Amino acid sequence: MSRASRTATLLLAFALAATLAGCSTTEGGQAADTPDTTADAGLESDTTSEPATTDTTEAKELDLEVGDTAEYTDGVRMTALGLQRDVQPSYRELLSNPKAKVLAVTVKIVNGSSETFDLSVTLNLVYGADGREADAFFDSGRGINGIDSPSRLRPKRAVTGKFGFEVPSSSVKELVFEGAPGFDYDAQQWTA
């Protein structure tokens, strides 16, 4: 990769990290009581593009683990599909700390509602007993670039993306991911 390409990749990574950092709190949509695994066989496309309506009640507390699904009252579902604990970055120079480990979590959003909604996925990672926030990590060479999709998700559509984080090599335990499918939804937490 040329120096110009690496510089462009780093600039994109910083821009995306800044965007995600500004999106760490949400409110709105209510989560259902029961975690569920995502099964989306038979999803069909729909051509409507009406704005989504939001429920402004609080989300119920859920005890989710990586692999579980948070389902909101309007039918939108967010699943932390899996976690990779030791991702090798395309270039160590992409890391803010060259000795850090890179973790990647794959997230899937399914719009099971009857409305199109604004897709503004947020995902953060807190690690260790003292709850430190991990730095976001982007590496397009490894497919770690969040959800690369349109800003609106139509009914019966799904998107998947991989989010990366840097953690000190001694802190790959006690992980808590917190995220939401959009600004109008309460954030949920997944432990790993």
C-alpha atoms as a PDB file:
ATOM      1  CA  MET A   1       0.000   0.000   0.000  1.00  0.00           C
ATOM      2  CA  SER A   2       1.389   3.377  -0.920  1.00  0.00           C
ATOM      3  CA  ARG A   3       2.030   6.131   1.594  1.00  0.00           C
ATOM      4  CA  ALA A   4      -0.830   8.175   0.093  1.00  0.00           C
ATOM      5  CA  SER A   5      -3.215   5.213   0.468  1.00  0.00           C
ATOM      6  CA  ARG A   6      -2.176   4.677   4.095  1.00  0.00           C
ATOM      7  CA  THR A   7      -2.651   8.379   4.811  1.00  0.00           C
ATOM      8  CA  ALA A   8      -6.109   8.304   3.222  1.00  0.00           C
ATOM      9  CA  THR A   9      -7.007   5.194   5.231  1.00  0.00           C
ATOM     10  CA  LEU A  10      -5.850   6.833   8.470  1.00  0.00           C
ATOM     11  CA  LEU A  11      -7.818  10.009   7.725  1.00  0.00           C
ATOM     12  CA  LEU A  12     -10.938   7.927   7.035  1.00  0.00           C
ATOM     13  CA  ALA A  13     -10.379   5.998  10.266  1.00  0.00           C
ATOM     14  CA  PHE A  14     -10.060   9.198  12.298  1.00  0.00           C
ATOM     15  CA  ALA A  15     -13.193  10.661  10.688  1.00  0.00           C
ATOM     16  CA  LEU A  16     -15.193   7.517  11.434  1.00  0.00           C
ATOM     17  CA  ALA A  17     -13.858   7.354  15.003  1.00  0.00           C
ATOM     18  CA  ALA A  18     -14.862  10.976  15.573  1.00  0.00           C
ATOM     19  CA  THR A  19     -18.326  10.248  14.207  1.00  0.00           C
ATOM     20  CA  LEU A  20     -18.754   7.226  16.471  1.00  0.00           C
ATOM     21  CA  ALA A  21     -17.424   9.102  19.500  1.00  0.00           C
ATOM     22  CA  GLY A  22     -20.113  11.737  19.039  1.00  0.00           C
ATOM     23  CA  CYS A  23     -22.808   9.066  18.932  1.00  0.00           C
ATOM     24  CA  SER A  24     -22.282   7.364  22.271  1.00  0.00           C
ATOM     25  CA  THR A  25     -25.689   8.060  23.815  1.00  0.00           C
ATOM     26  CA  THR A  26     -29.135   7.349  22.487  1.00  0.00           C
ATOM     27  CA  GLU A  27     -32.701   7.433  23.665  1.00  0.00           C
ATOM     28  CA  GLY A  28     -36.025   6.389  22.329  1.00  0.00           C
ATOM     29  CA  GLY A  29     -36.984   2.918  21.137  1.00  0.00           C
ATOM     30  CA  GLN A  30     -37.929   0.329  23.715  1.00  0.00           C
ATOM     31  CA  ALA A  31     -36.365  -3.108  23.852  1.00  0.00           C
ATOM     32  CA  ALA A  32     -38.580  -6.149  24.276  1.00  0.00           C
ATOM     33  CA  ASP A  33     -38.308  -8.357  27.384  1.00  0.00           C
ATOM     34  CA  THR A  34     -36.881 -11.446  25.701  1.00  0.00           C
ATOM     35  CA  PRO A  35     -33.507 -11.739  23.985  1.00  0.00           C
ATOM     36  CA  ASP A  36     -33.810 -13.745  20.808  1.00  0.00           C
ATOM     37  CA  THR A  37     -31.434 -15.055  18.196  1.00  0.00           C
ATOM     38  CA  THR A  38     -31.789 -13.660  14.708  1.00  0.00           C
ATOM     39  CA  ALA A  39     -33.350 -15.887  12.092  1.00  0.00           C
ATOM     40  CA  ASP A  40     -34.052 -13.948   8.956  1.00  0.00           C
ATOM     41  CA  ALA A  41     -34.774 -16.574   6.372  1.00  0.00           C
ATOM     42  CA  GLY A  42     -37.487 -15.396   4.051  1.00  0.00           C
ATOM     43  CA  LEU A  43     -36.848 -11.672   4.315  1.00  0.00           C
ATOM     44  CA  GLU A  44     -38.270  -9.902   1.312  1.00  0.00           C
ATOM     45  CA  SER A  45     -37.517  -6.485  -0.077  1.00  0.00           C
ATOM     46  CA  ASP A  46     -40.010  -3.670   0.207  1.00  0.00           C
ATOM     47  CA  THR A  47     -39.980  -0.468  -1.817  1.00  0.00           C
ATOM     48  CA  THR A  48     -41.621   1.854   0.729  1.00  0.00           C
ATOM     49  CA  SER A  49     -39.519   4.615   2.213  1.00  0.00           C
ATOM     50  CA  GLU A  50     -41.703   6.274   4.820  1.00  0.00           C
ATOM     51  CA  PRO A  51     -40.009   7.827   7.839  1.00  0.00           C
ATOM     52  CA  ALA A  52     -39.926   5.686  10.963  1.00  0.00           C
ATOM     53  CA  THR A  53     -41.926   6.539  14.044  1.00  0.00           C
ATOM     54  CA  THR A  54     -40.262   6.082  17.405  1.00  0.00           C
ATOM     55  CA  ASP A  55     -41.455   4.969  20.790  1.00  0.00           C
ATOM     56  CA  THR A  56     -40.018   7.261  23.453  1.00  0.00           C
ATOM     57  CA  THR A  57     -40.446   4.900  26.419  1.00  0.00           C
ATOM     58  CA  GLU A  58     -37.420   3.451  28.200  1.00  0.00           C
ATOM     59  CA  ALA A  59     -35.833   0.168  27.204  1.00  0.00           C
ATOM     60  CA  LYS A  60     -36.150  -2.795  29.544  1.00  0.00           C
ATOM     61  CA  GLU A  61     -32.888  -4.081  31.012  1.00  0.00           C
ATOM     62  CA  LEU A  62     -31.672  -7.155  29.177  1.00  0.00           C
ATOM     63  CA  ASP A  63     -28.878  -9.530  30.156  1.00  0.00           C
ATOM     64  CA  LEU A  64     -27.307 -10.134  26.737  1.00  0.00           C
ATOM     65  CA  GLU A  65     -24.169 -11.965  25.693  1.00  0.00           C
ATOM     66  CA  VAL A  66     -22.397 -11.895  22.349  1.00  0.00           C
ATOM     67  CA  GLY A  67     -24.617 -14.039  20.122  1.00  0.00           C
ATOM     68  CA  ASP A  68     -27.888 -12.699  21.596  1.00  0.00           C
ATOM     69  CA  THR A  69     -30.358 -10.348  19.948  1.00  0.00           C
ATOM     70  CA  ALA A  70     -31.947  -7.180  21.327  1.00  0.00           C
ATOM     71  CA  GLU A  71     -35.416  -6.788  19.824  1.00  0.00           C
ATOM     72  CA  TYR A  72     -37.142  -3.433  20.018  1.00  0.00           C
ATOM     73  CA  THR A  73     -40.903  -3.006  20.299  1.00  0.00           C
ATOM     74  CA  ASP A  74     -41.168  -1.826  16.696  1.00  0.00           C
ATOM     75  CA  GLY A  75     -39.561  -5.060  15.417  1.00  0.00           C
ATOM     76  CA  VAL A  76     -36.030  -3.751  14.773  1.00  0.00           C
ATOM     77  CA  ARG A  77     -33.407  -6.262  15.956  1.00  0.00           C
ATOM     78  CA  MET A  78     -29.711  -5.822  16.712  1.00  0.00           C
ATOM     79  CA  THR A  79     -27.465  -8.852  17.212  1.00  0.00           C
ATOM     80  CA  ALA A  80     -23.827  -9.036  18.269  1.00  0.00           C
ATOM     81  CA  LEU A  81     -23.112 -12.094  16.101  1.00  0.00           C
ATOM     82  CA  GLY A  82     -19.572 -12.925  17.129  1.00  0.00           C
ATOM     83  CA  LEU A  83     -16.297 -11.715  18.570  1.00  0.00           C
ATOM     84  CA  GLN A  84     -12.747 -12.117  17.261  1.00  0.00           C
ATOM     85  CA  ARG A  85     -10.274 -11.598  20.099  1.00  0.00           C
ATOM     86  CA  ASP A  86      -6.956 -11.362  18.238  1.00  0.00           C
ATOM     87  CA  VAL A  87      -7.293  -9.695  14.845  1.00  0.00           C
ATOM     88  CA  GLN A  88      -4.039  -9.038  13.005  1.00  0.00           C
ATOM     89  CA  PRO A  89      -4.243  -5.515  11.526  1.00  0.00           C
ATOM     90  CA  SER A  90      -3.203  -4.922   7.932  1.00  0.00           C
ATOM     91  CA  TYR A  91      -0.561  -2.522   9.248  1.00  0.00           C
ATOM     92  CA  ARG A  92       0.586  -2.149  12.862  1.00  0.00           C
ATOM     93  CA  GLU A  93       0.982   1.575  12.068  1.00  0.00           C
ATOM     94  CA  LEU A  94      -2.826   1.841  12.122  1.00  0.00           C
ATOM     95  CA  LEU A  95      -2.837   1.214  15.882  1.00  0.00           C
ATOM     96  CA  SER A  96      -2.646   4.086  18.339  1.00  0.00           C
ATOM     97  CA  ASN A  97      -0.665   1.718  20.605  1.00  0.00           C
ATOM     98  CA  PRO A  98       1.537  -0.734  18.640  1.00  0.00           C
ATOM     99  CA  LYS A  99       1.338  -3.278  21.501  1.00  0.00           C
ATOM    100  CA  ALA A 100      -2.469  -3.248  21.633  1.00  0.00           C
ATOM    101  CA  LYS A 101      -4.676  -6.175  20.679  1.00  0.00           C
ATOM    102  CA  VAL A 102      -7.433  -5.671  18.145  1.00  0.00           C
ATOM    103  CA  LEU A 103     -10.878  -7.086  18.863  1.00  0.00           C
ATOM    104  CA  ALA A 104     -13.637  -7.176  16.264  1.00  0.00           C
ATOM    105  CA  VAL A 105     -17.338  -7.757  16.822  1.00  0.00           C
ATOM    106  CA  THR A 106     -19.752  -8.473  13.979  1.00  0.00           C
ATOM    107  CA  VAL A 107     -23.143  -6.794  14.304  1.00  0.00           C
ATOM    108  CA  LYS A 108     -26.339  -7.421  12.344  1.00  0.00           C
ATOM    109  CA  ILE A 109     -29.330  -5.073  12.192  1.00  0.00           C
ATOM    110  CA  VAL A 110     -32.668  -6.380  10.883  1.00  0.00           C
ATOM    111  CA  ASN A 111     -35.565  -4.033  10.246  1.00  0.00           C
ATOM    112  CA  GLY A 112     -38.521  -6.208  11.222  1.00  0.00           C
ATOM    113  CA  SER A 113     -40.757  -3.141  11.516  1.00  0.00           C
ATOM    114  CA  SER A 114     -43.181  -1.858   8.931  1.00  0.00           C
ATOM    115  CA  GLU A 115     -41.373   1.489   8.672  1.00  0.00           C
ATOM    116  CA  THR A 116     -38.074   2.667   7.192  1.00  0.00           C
ATOM    117  CA  PHE A 117     -35.794   3.915   9.952  1.00  0.00           C
ATOM    118  CA  ASP A 118     -32.659   6.046  10.149  1.00  0.00           C
ATOM    119  CA  LEU A 119     -29.702   3.691  10.506  1.00  0.00           C
ATOM    120  CA  SER A 120     -27.084   5.341  12.734  1.00  0.00           C
ATOM    121  CA  VAL A 121     -25.393   2.391  14.417  1.00  0.00           C
ATOM    122  CA  THR A 122     -23.361   3.165  17.505  1.00  0.00           C
ATOM    123  CA  LEU A 123     -21.111   0.627  19.200  1.00  0.00           C
ATOM    124  CA  ASN A 124     -18.662   1.166  22.045  1.00  0.00           C
ATOM    125  CA  LEU A 125     -16.520  -1.220  24.071  1.00  0.00           C
ATOM    126  CA  VAL A 126     -15.713  -0.969  27.760  1.00  0.00           C
ATOM    127  CA  TYR A 127     -13.104  -3.378  29.119  1.00  0.00           C
ATOM    128  CA  GLY A 128     -11.499  -4.424  32.396  1.00  0.00           C
ATOM    129  CA  ALA A 129     -12.601  -4.230  36.000  1.00  0.00           C
ATOM    130  CA  ASP A 130     -12.301  -0.426  36.020  1.00  0.00           C
ATOM    131  CA  GLY A 131     -14.476   0.003  32.892  1.00  0.00           C
ATOM    132  CA  ARG A 132     -12.154   1.804  30.493  1.00  0.00           C
ATOM    133  CA  GLU A 133     -13.454   2.741  27.056  1.00  0.00           C
ATOM    134  CA  ALA A 134     -11.578   1.173  24.147  1.00  0.00           C
ATOM    135  CA  ASP A 135     -10.398   3.136  21.121  1.00  0.00           C
ATOM    136  CA  ALA A 136     -12.256   2.397  17.899  1.00  0.00           C
ATOM    137  CA  PHE A 137     -10.175   0.696  15.208  1.00  0.00           C
ATOM    138  CA  PHE A 138     -10.807   0.719  11.454  1.00  0.00           C
ATOM    139  CA  ASP A 139      -9.029  -1.482   8.923  1.00  0.00           C
ATOM    140  CA  SER A 140     -10.690  -1.807   5.520  1.00  0.00           C
ATOM    141  CA  GLY A 141      -8.109  -4.451   4.556  1.00  0.00           C
ATOM    142  CA  ARG A 142      -9.622  -6.707   7.244  1.00  0.00           C
ATOM    143  CA  GLY A 143     -13.224  -5.613   6.655  1.00  0.00           C
ATOM    144  CA  ILE A 144     -13.353  -3.727   9.953  1.00  0.00           C
ATOM    145  CA  ASN A 145     -15.221  -0.593   8.931  1.00  0.00           C
ATOM    146  CA  GLY A 146     -18.512  -0.652  10.812  1.00  0.00           C
ATOM    147  CA  ILE A 147     -21.685  -0.840   8.790  1.00  0.00           C
ATOM    148  CA  ASP A 148     -21.073   0.422   5.287  1.00  0.00           C
ATOM    149  CA  SER A 149     -24.623   0.932   4.108  1.00  0.00           C
ATOM    150  CA  PRO A 150     -27.292   3.475   3.285  1.00  0.00           C
ATOM    151  CA  SER A 151     -28.392   5.789   6.065  1.00  0.00           C
ATOM    152  CA  ARG A 152     -31.950   4.427   6.027  1.00  0.00           C
ATOM    153  CA  LEU A 153     -32.980   0.780   6.367  1.00  0.00           C
ATOM    154  CA  ARG A 154     -36.200  -0.286   4.704  1.00  0.00           C
ATOM    155  CA  PRO A 155     -38.571  -2.859   6.220  1.00  0.00           C
ATOM    156  CA  LYS A 156     -37.536  -6.513   5.974  1.00  0.00           C
ATOM    157  CA  ARG A 157     -33.951  -5.561   5.118  1.00  0.00           C
ATOM    158  CA  ALA A 158     -30.791  -6.412   7.044  1.00  0.00           C
ATOM    159  CA  VAL A 159     -27.238  -5.083   7.186  1.00  0.00           C
ATOM    160  CA  THR A 160     -24.122  -6.546   8.767  1.00  0.00           C
ATOM    161  CA  GLY A 161     -20.838  -4.911   9.704  1.00  0.00           C
ATOM    162  CA  LYS A 162     -17.682  -5.483  11.694  1.00  0.00           C
ATOM    163  CA  PHE A 163     -16.523  -3.016  14.362  1.00  0.00           C
ATOM    164  CA  GLY A 164     -12.975  -3.010  15.734  1.00  0.00           C
ATOM    165  CA  PHE A 165     -11.488  -1.866  19.015  1.00  0.00           C
ATOM    166  CA  GLU A 166      -7.983  -1.547  20.463  1.00  0.00           C
ATOM    167  CA  VAL A 167      -7.361  -2.833  23.978  1.00  0.00           C
ATOM    168  CA  PRO A 168      -4.160  -3.387  25.960  1.00  0.00           C
ATOM    169  CA  SER A 169      -3.024  -6.988  25.454  1.00  0.00           C
ATOM    170  CA  SER A 170      -3.647  -7.747  29.139  1.00  0.00           C
ATOM    171  CA  SER A 171      -7.284  -6.537  28.994  1.00  0.00           C
ATOM    172  CA  VAL A 172      -9.126  -8.890  26.658  1.00  0.00           C
ATOM    173  CA  LYS A 173     -11.433 -10.076  29.452  1.00  0.00           C
ATOM    174  CA  GLU A 174     -14.440  -8.427  31.058  1.00  0.00           C
ATOM    175  CA  LEU A 175     -15.706  -6.937  27.797  1.00  0.00           C
ATOM    176  CA  VAL A 176     -18.988  -5.049  27.518  1.00  0.00           C
ATOM    177  CA  PHE A 177     -20.216  -3.830  24.133  1.00  0.00           C
ATOM    178  CA  GLU A 178     -22.892  -1.135  24.144  1.00  0.00           C
ATOM    179  CA  GLY A 179     -24.756  -0.176  21.010  1.00  0.00           C
ATOM    180  CA  ALA A 180     -27.961   0.837  19.295  1.00  0.00           C
ATOM    181  CA  PRO A 181     -29.238   0.553  15.714  1.00  0.00           C
ATOM    182  CA  GLY A 182     -30.059   4.261  15.497  1.00  0.00           C
ATOM    183  CA  PHE A 183     -30.289   7.503  17.444  1.00  0.00           C
ATOM    184  CA  ASP A 184     -33.964   6.871  18.272  1.00  0.00           C
ATOM    185  CA  TYR A 185     -33.227   3.571  20.056  1.00  0.00           C
ATOM    186  CA  ASP A 186     -32.033   2.819  23.571  1.00  0.00           C
ATOM    187  CA  ALA A 187     -28.566   1.314  23.735  1.00  0.00           C
ATOM    188  CA  GLN A 188     -28.248  -2.298  24.827  1.00  0.00           C
ATOM    189  CA  GLN A 189     -25.251  -4.094  26.318  1.00  0.00           C
ATOM    190  CA  TRP A 190     -23.635  -7.401  25.378  1.00  0.00           C
ATOM    191  CA  THR A 191     -20.995  -9.074  27.552  1.00  0.00           C
ATOM    192  CA  ALA A 192     -18.187 -11.302  26.325  1.00  0.00           C
END
